[in-house]
Amino acid sequence: MTPQTEAHERVYNALIRSKCHEDASFAAYVLYASLFPD
């Protein structure tokens, strides 16, 4: 796992643990979609 991917994992995990779970999930989806376009 690259340091960049590891950082993304930390961000994603932090978002999941946030109180606004649905908003966090959406934010994570948008983040990943922008970082890893198909």
Protein backbone atom coordinates (compact mmCIF):
# COMPACT_ATOMS: atom_id res chain seq x y z
CA MET A 1 0.00 0.00 0.00
CA THR A 2 1.43 3.34 -1.02
CA PRO A 3 1.65 6.24 1.45
CA GLN A 4 -0.89 8.13 -0.67
CA THR A 5 -3.37 5.26 -0.56
CA GLU A 6 -2.76 4.90 3.17
CA ALA A 7 -3.59 8.59 3.63
CA HIS A 8 -6.78 8.10 1.62
CA GLU A 9 -7.70 5.18 3.87
CA ARG A 10 -7.21 7.35 6.97
CA VAL A 11 -9.41 10.08 5.49
CA TYR A 12 -12.06 7.56 4.51
CA ASN A 13 -12.05 5.90 7.94
CA ALA A 14 -12.28 9.27 9.68
CA LEU A 15 -15.25 10.21 7.51
CA ILE A 16 -16.99 6.92 8.26
CA ARG A 17 -16.55 7.51 11.99
CA SER A 18 -17.96 11.02 11.82
CA LYS A 19 -21.37 11.70 13.32
CA CYS A 20 -22.98 12.53 9.97
CA HIS A 21 -22.52 9.06 8.51
CA GLU A 22 -24.56 9.58 5.35
CA ASP A 23 -22.90 12.92 4.57
CA ALA A 24 -19.52 11.37 5.26
CA SER A 25 -20.22 8.44 2.98
CA PHE A 26 -21.24 10.80 0.19
CA ALA A 27 -18.16 12.96 0.76
CA ALA A 28 -15.96 9.87 0.65
CA TYR A 29 -17.63 8.75 -2.56
CA VAL A 30 -17.07 12.13 -4.18
CA LEU A 31 -13.46 12.18 -2.92
CA TYR A 32 -12.71 8.73 -4.32
CA ALA A 33 -14.51 9.49 -7.57
CA SER A 34 -12.33 12.56 -8.07
CA LEU A 35 -9.12 10.80 -7.03
CA PHE A 36 -9.72 7.61 -9.00
CA PRO A 37 -11.75 8.41 -12.13
CA ASP A 38 -12.79 5.40 -14.17
